[in-house]
Amino acid sequence: MVGTKLRRLVLISLSLSVALVISAVAPTEVAAQGTPNGRKTLVGAWFNTVTPTLVEPFVGLGTFSADGGVTNISSVSLGAPLESPGYGQWVKTGPDTYAVTFLTISADAAGHHTSTSKVRANLRVSANGDDFIGDFQVDFFDPGGALLVSDTGIVTGTRIKVEPLP
């Protein structure tokens, strides 16, 4: 039972981390418009695939704001135990690279805090700005802050674009 709950927590955190873990951009750059040199940033909304080592792959959604904020949710978060969306920050680390960190909290059915996860990722945006790939690590902590388990993996993302109706 503990193994199943821990595996579920890892899945939830990983999905969040990846989605988020998934996009970042410089505060002065405009989402989807790119930078003055024509390169796009991570600012915008992304569909992510998270491939951890301890649990099965899962999908997520992440949004990266121009002021360095990130919000993430994953398919794992929609199950039990209950997990919050991920909230965090990103920074630009190179021409096409970003560092992302976000946190989630999990609770039991009664709303009691059961764990916190921290997701950290390094992402690289493709030359066309519509895809990214990166490595991530997720750490799960008990309510007192003691490390329970960690996992690593790969996250990929595809920019969500407007598709007007005909």
C-alpha atoms as a PDB file:
ATOM      1  CA  MET A   1       0.000   0.000   0.000  1.00  0.00           C
ATOM      2  CA  VAL A   2       2.816   2.388   0.913  1.00  0.00           C
ATOM      3  CA  GLY A   3       4.600   1.400  -2.301  1.00  0.00           C
ATOM      4  CA  THR A   4       1.497   2.157  -4.360  1.00  0.00           C
ATOM      5  CA  LYS A   5       0.990   5.531  -2.687  1.00  0.00           C
ATOM      6  CA  LEU A   6       4.656   6.442  -3.152  1.00  0.00           C
ATOM      7  CA  ARG A   7       4.565   5.370  -6.802  1.00  0.00           C
ATOM      8  CA  ARG A   8       1.434   7.513  -7.284  1.00  0.00           C
ATOM      9  CA  LEU A   9       3.142  10.496  -5.633  1.00  0.00           C
ATOM     10  CA  VAL A  10       6.144  10.101  -7.914  1.00  0.00           C
ATOM     11  CA  LEU A  11       3.893   9.996 -10.973  1.00  0.00           C
ATOM     12  CA  ILE A  12       2.030  13.101  -9.920  1.00  0.00           C
ATOM     13  CA  SER A  13       5.106  15.139  -9.151  1.00  0.00           C
ATOM     14  CA  LEU A  14       6.881  14.027 -12.263  1.00  0.00           C
ATOM     15  CA  SER A  15       4.041  15.051 -14.476  1.00  0.00           C
ATOM     16  CA  LEU A  16       3.915  18.443 -12.938  1.00  0.00           C
ATOM     17  CA  SER A  17       7.594  18.899 -13.057  1.00  0.00           C
ATOM     18  CA  VAL A  18       7.764  18.040 -16.621  1.00  0.00           C
ATOM     19  CA  ALA A  19       4.986  20.215 -17.777  1.00  0.00           C
ATOM     20  CA  LEU A  20       6.528  22.934 -16.089  1.00  0.00           C
ATOM     21  CA  VAL A  21       9.617  21.633 -16.161  1.00  0.00           C
ATOM     22  CA  ILE A  22       8.949  22.359 -19.491  1.00  0.00           C
ATOM     23  CA  SER A  23       8.960  25.961 -20.313  1.00  0.00           C
ATOM     24  CA  ALA A  24      10.602  29.189 -19.407  1.00  0.00           C
ATOM     25  CA  VAL A  25      11.449  32.454 -21.065  1.00  0.00           C
ATOM     26  CA  ALA A  26      13.150  35.775 -20.536  1.00  0.00           C
ATOM     27  CA  PRO A  27      10.811  38.362 -18.973  1.00  0.00           C
ATOM     28  CA  THR A  28      11.358  40.846 -21.782  1.00  0.00           C
ATOM     29  CA  GLU A  29      10.459  38.445 -24.566  1.00  0.00           C
ATOM     30  CA  VAL A  30       6.925  38.155 -25.906  1.00  0.00           C
ATOM     31  CA  ALA A  31       5.180  34.768 -25.975  1.00  0.00           C
ATOM     32  CA  ALA A  32       5.129  33.053 -29.349  1.00  0.00           C
ATOM     33  CA  GLN A  33       6.387  36.207 -31.052  1.00  0.00           C
ATOM     34  CA  GLY A  34      10.016  35.373 -30.529  1.00  0.00           C
ATOM     35  CA  THR A  35      12.887  37.629 -29.756  1.00  0.00           C
ATOM     36  CA  PRO A  36      14.375  40.380 -31.910  1.00  0.00           C
ATOM     37  CA  ASN A  37      16.721  37.779 -33.460  1.00  0.00           C
ATOM     38  CA  GLY A  38      13.686  35.729 -34.539  1.00  0.00           C
ATOM     39  CA  ARG A  39      14.103  32.933 -31.980  1.00  0.00           C
ATOM     40  CA  LYS A  40      11.100  31.881 -29.954  1.00  0.00           C
ATOM     41  CA  THR A  41      11.173  31.413 -26.190  1.00  0.00           C
ATOM     42  CA  LEU A  42       9.361  29.138 -23.742  1.00  0.00           C
ATOM     43  CA  VAL A  43       6.754  31.736 -22.928  1.00  0.00           C
ATOM     44  CA  GLY A  44       3.379  30.244 -23.734  1.00  0.00           C
ATOM     45  CA  ALA A  45       1.406  27.049 -23.236  1.00  0.00           C
ATOM     46  CA  TRP A  46       2.837  23.554 -23.785  1.00  0.00           C
ATOM     47  CA  PHE A  47       1.679  19.937 -24.037  1.00  0.00           C
ATOM     48  CA  ASN A  48       4.302  17.762 -22.335  1.00  0.00           C
ATOM     49  CA  THR A  49       5.291  14.135 -22.179  1.00  0.00           C
ATOM     50  CA  VAL A  50       7.159  13.094 -19.037  1.00  0.00           C
ATOM     51  CA  THR A  51       9.255   9.936 -19.014  1.00  0.00           C
ATOM     52  CA  PRO A  52      10.479   9.170 -15.474  1.00  0.00           C
ATOM     53  CA  THR A  53      12.515   6.116 -14.490  1.00  0.00           C
ATOM     54  CA  LEU A  54      10.361   4.836 -11.571  1.00  0.00           C
ATOM     55  CA  VAL A  55       6.871   5.060 -13.069  1.00  0.00           C
ATOM     56  CA  GLU A  56       5.178   4.888 -16.462  1.00  0.00           C
ATOM     57  CA  PRO A  57       5.332   7.948 -18.781  1.00  0.00           C
ATOM     58  CA  PHE A  58       2.503  10.470 -18.485  1.00  0.00           C
ATOM     59  CA  VAL A  59       1.358  13.759 -20.039  1.00  0.00           C
ATOM     60  CA  GLY A  60       0.926  17.261 -18.703  1.00  0.00           C
ATOM     61  CA  LEU A  61       0.198  20.878 -19.524  1.00  0.00           C
ATOM     62  CA  GLY A  62       2.450  23.782 -18.619  1.00  0.00           C
ATOM     63  CA  THR A  63       2.270  27.543 -18.966  1.00  0.00           C
ATOM     64  CA  PHE A  64       5.317  29.813 -18.787  1.00  0.00           C
ATOM     65  CA  SER A  65       4.726  33.508 -18.278  1.00  0.00           C
ATOM     66  CA  ALA A  66       6.922  36.346 -19.502  1.00  0.00           C
ATOM     67  CA  ASP A  67       7.687  37.403 -15.912  1.00  0.00           C
ATOM     68  CA  GLY A  68       9.289  34.039 -15.066  1.00  0.00           C
ATOM     69  CA  GLY A  69       6.307  32.211 -13.549  1.00  0.00           C
ATOM     70  CA  VAL A  70       5.369  28.625 -14.352  1.00  0.00           C
ATOM     71  CA  THR A  71       2.174  26.644 -13.756  1.00  0.00           C
ATOM     72  CA  ASN A  72       1.926  22.939 -14.453  1.00  0.00           C
ATOM     73  CA  ILE A  73      -0.557  20.082 -14.164  1.00  0.00           C
ATOM     74  CA  SER A  74      -0.329  16.455 -15.237  1.00  0.00           C
ATOM     75  CA  SER A  75      -2.565  13.494 -15.890  1.00  0.00           C
ATOM     76  CA  VAL A  76      -1.159  11.951 -12.697  1.00  0.00           C
ATOM     77  CA  SER A  77      -2.346  14.947 -10.660  1.00  0.00           C
ATOM     78  CA  LEU A  78      -5.936  14.147 -11.558  1.00  0.00           C
ATOM     79  CA  GLY A  79      -5.889  10.890  -9.576  1.00  0.00           C
ATOM     80  CA  ALA A  80      -5.475  10.030  -5.918  1.00  0.00           C
ATOM     81  CA  PRO A  81      -3.828  11.139  -3.747  1.00  0.00           C
ATOM     82  CA  LEU A  82      -4.950  14.652  -4.550  1.00  0.00           C
ATOM     83  CA  GLU A  83      -2.160  16.851  -5.896  1.00  0.00           C
ATOM     84  CA  SER A  84      -2.110  20.577  -6.563  1.00  0.00           C
ATOM     85  CA  PRO A  85      -0.988  22.113  -9.821  1.00  0.00           C
ATOM     86  CA  GLY A  86       2.712  22.928  -9.819  1.00  0.00           C
ATOM     87  CA  TYR A  87       3.753  26.530  -9.221  1.00  0.00           C
ATOM     88  CA  GLY A  88       7.241  27.919  -9.659  1.00  0.00           C
ATOM     89  CA  GLN A  89       9.758  29.968 -11.583  1.00  0.00           C
ATOM     90  CA  TRP A  90      12.026  29.729 -14.602  1.00  0.00           C
ATOM     91  CA  VAL A  91      15.152  31.557 -15.784  1.00  0.00           C
ATOM     92  CA  LYS A  92      16.964  31.754 -19.098  1.00  0.00           C
ATOM     93  CA  THR A  93      20.405  30.122 -18.818  1.00  0.00           C
ATOM     94  CA  GLY A  94      21.617  30.394 -22.427  1.00  0.00           C
ATOM     95  CA  PRO A  95      20.467  31.269 -25.968  1.00  0.00           C
ATOM     96  CA  ASP A  96      17.974  28.365 -26.073  1.00  0.00           C
ATOM     97  CA  THR A  97      18.215  26.918 -22.552  1.00  0.00           C
ATOM     98  CA  TYR A  98      16.189  27.396 -19.383  1.00  0.00           C
ATOM     99  CA  ALA A  99      16.173  26.229 -15.766  1.00  0.00           C
ATOM    100  CA  VAL A 100      12.792  25.507 -14.178  1.00  0.00           C
ATOM    101  CA  THR A 101      11.764  24.789 -10.580  1.00  0.00           C
ATOM    102  CA  PHE A 102       8.246  24.219  -9.295  1.00  0.00           C
ATOM    103  CA  LEU A 103       6.490  22.711  -6.279  1.00  0.00           C
ATOM    104  CA  THR A 104       3.321  20.697  -5.760  1.00  0.00           C
ATOM    105  CA  ILE A 105       1.527  19.620  -2.601  1.00  0.00           C
ATOM    106  CA  SER A 106      -0.411  16.394  -2.091  1.00  0.00           C
ATOM    107  CA  ALA A 107      -3.183  15.607   0.376  1.00  0.00           C
ATOM    108  CA  ASP A 108      -5.354  12.702   1.411  1.00  0.00           C
ATOM    109  CA  ALA A 109      -9.125  12.661   0.910  1.00  0.00           C
ATOM    110  CA  ALA A 110      -9.583  14.589   4.188  1.00  0.00           C
ATOM    111  CA  GLY A 111      -7.304  17.395   2.985  1.00  0.00           C
ATOM    112  CA  HIS A 112      -4.359  16.505   5.234  1.00  0.00           C
ATOM    113  CA  HIS A 113      -0.953  17.390   3.766  1.00  0.00           C
ATOM    114  CA  THR A 114       0.820  14.134   2.850  1.00  0.00           C
ATOM    115  CA  SER A 115       3.799  15.282   0.780  1.00  0.00           C
ATOM    116  CA  THR A 116       5.462  18.055  -1.185  1.00  0.00           C
ATOM    117  CA  SER A 117       7.322  17.570  -4.437  1.00  0.00           C
ATOM    118  CA  LYS A 118      10.006  19.759  -5.952  1.00  0.00           C
ATOM    119  CA  VAL A 119      10.652  19.465  -9.670  1.00  0.00           C
ATOM    120  CA  ARG A 120      13.781  20.876 -11.258  1.00  0.00           C
ATOM    121  CA  ALA A 121      14.510  20.763 -14.968  1.00  0.00           C
ATOM    122  CA  ASN A 122      16.926  22.022 -17.593  1.00  0.00           C
ATOM    123  CA  LEU A 123      15.221  22.576 -20.936  1.00  0.00           C
ATOM    124  CA  ARG A 124      16.427  23.287 -24.466  1.00  0.00           C
ATOM    125  CA  VAL A 125      14.047  24.879 -26.980  1.00  0.00           C
ATOM    126  CA  SER A 126      14.327  23.794 -30.625  1.00  0.00           C
ATOM    127  CA  ALA A 127      15.468  26.226 -33.302  1.00  0.00           C
ATOM    128  CA  ASN A 128      11.872  26.708 -34.494  1.00  0.00           C
ATOM    129  CA  GLY A 129      10.759  27.416 -30.897  1.00  0.00           C
ATOM    130  CA  ASP A 130       7.855  24.993 -31.017  1.00  0.00           C
ATOM    131  CA  ASP A 131       9.404  22.046 -29.159  1.00  0.00           C
ATOM    132  CA  PHE A 132      11.654  21.457 -26.177  1.00  0.00           C
ATOM    133  CA  ILE A 133      13.467  18.599 -24.480  1.00  0.00           C
ATOM    134  CA  GLY A 134      15.082  18.423 -21.098  1.00  0.00           C
ATOM    135  CA  ASP A 135      16.236  16.470 -18.090  1.00  0.00           C
ATOM    136  CA  PHE A 136      14.398  16.683 -14.801  1.00  0.00           C
ATOM    137  CA  GLN A 137      14.634  15.549 -11.206  1.00  0.00           C
ATOM    138  CA  VAL A 138      11.712  15.321  -8.810  1.00  0.00           C
ATOM    139  CA  ASP A 139      12.159  15.029  -5.051  1.00  0.00           C
ATOM    140  CA  PHE A 140       9.297  14.024  -2.726  1.00  0.00           C
ATOM    141  CA  PHE A 141       9.275  15.204   0.879  1.00  0.00           C
ATOM    142  CA  ASP A 142       7.088  14.257   3.829  1.00  0.00           C
ATOM    143  CA  PRO A 143       5.179  17.052   5.646  1.00  0.00           C
ATOM    144  CA  GLY A 144       8.173  17.535   7.978  1.00  0.00           C
ATOM    145  CA  GLY A 145      10.567  18.096   5.060  1.00  0.00           C
ATOM    146  CA  ALA A 146      12.341  14.702   5.096  1.00  0.00           C
ATOM    147  CA  LEU A 147      13.227  13.340   1.650  1.00  0.00           C
ATOM    148  CA  LEU A 148      11.093  10.294   0.767  1.00  0.00           C
ATOM    149  CA  VAL A 149      12.232   9.468  -2.763  1.00  0.00           C
ATOM    150  CA  SER A 150      13.746  11.051  -5.879  1.00  0.00           C
ATOM    151  CA  ASP A 151      13.414  10.250  -9.563  1.00  0.00           C
ATOM    152  CA  THR A 152      14.883  11.577 -12.805  1.00  0.00           C
ATOM    153  CA  GLY A 153      13.854  11.463 -16.431  1.00  0.00           C
ATOM    154  CA  ILE A 154      13.288  13.228 -19.711  1.00  0.00           C
ATOM    155  CA  VAL A 155      10.535  15.708 -20.528  1.00  0.00           C
ATOM    156  CA  THR A 156       9.501  16.878 -23.979  1.00  0.00           C
ATOM    157  CA  GLY A 157       7.080  19.612 -24.902  1.00  0.00           C
ATOM    158  CA  THR A 158       5.191  20.882 -27.919  1.00  0.00           C
ATOM    159  CA  ARG A 159       3.876  24.430 -28.047  1.00  0.00           C
ATOM    160  CA  ILE A 160       0.083  24.762 -28.072  1.00  0.00           C
ATOM    161  CA  LYS A 161      -0.860  26.978 -31.001  1.00  0.00           C
ATOM    162  CA  VAL A 162      -4.061  28.765 -31.909  1.00  0.00           C
ATOM    163  CA  GLU A 163      -6.130  26.799 -34.424  1.00  0.00           C
ATOM    164  CA  PRO A 164      -8.866  29.151 -35.692  1.00  0.00           C
ATOM    165  CA  LEU A 165     -12.151  27.698 -36.814  1.00  0.00           C
ATOM    166  CA  PRO A 166     -12.702  27.904 -40.570  1.00  0.00           C
END
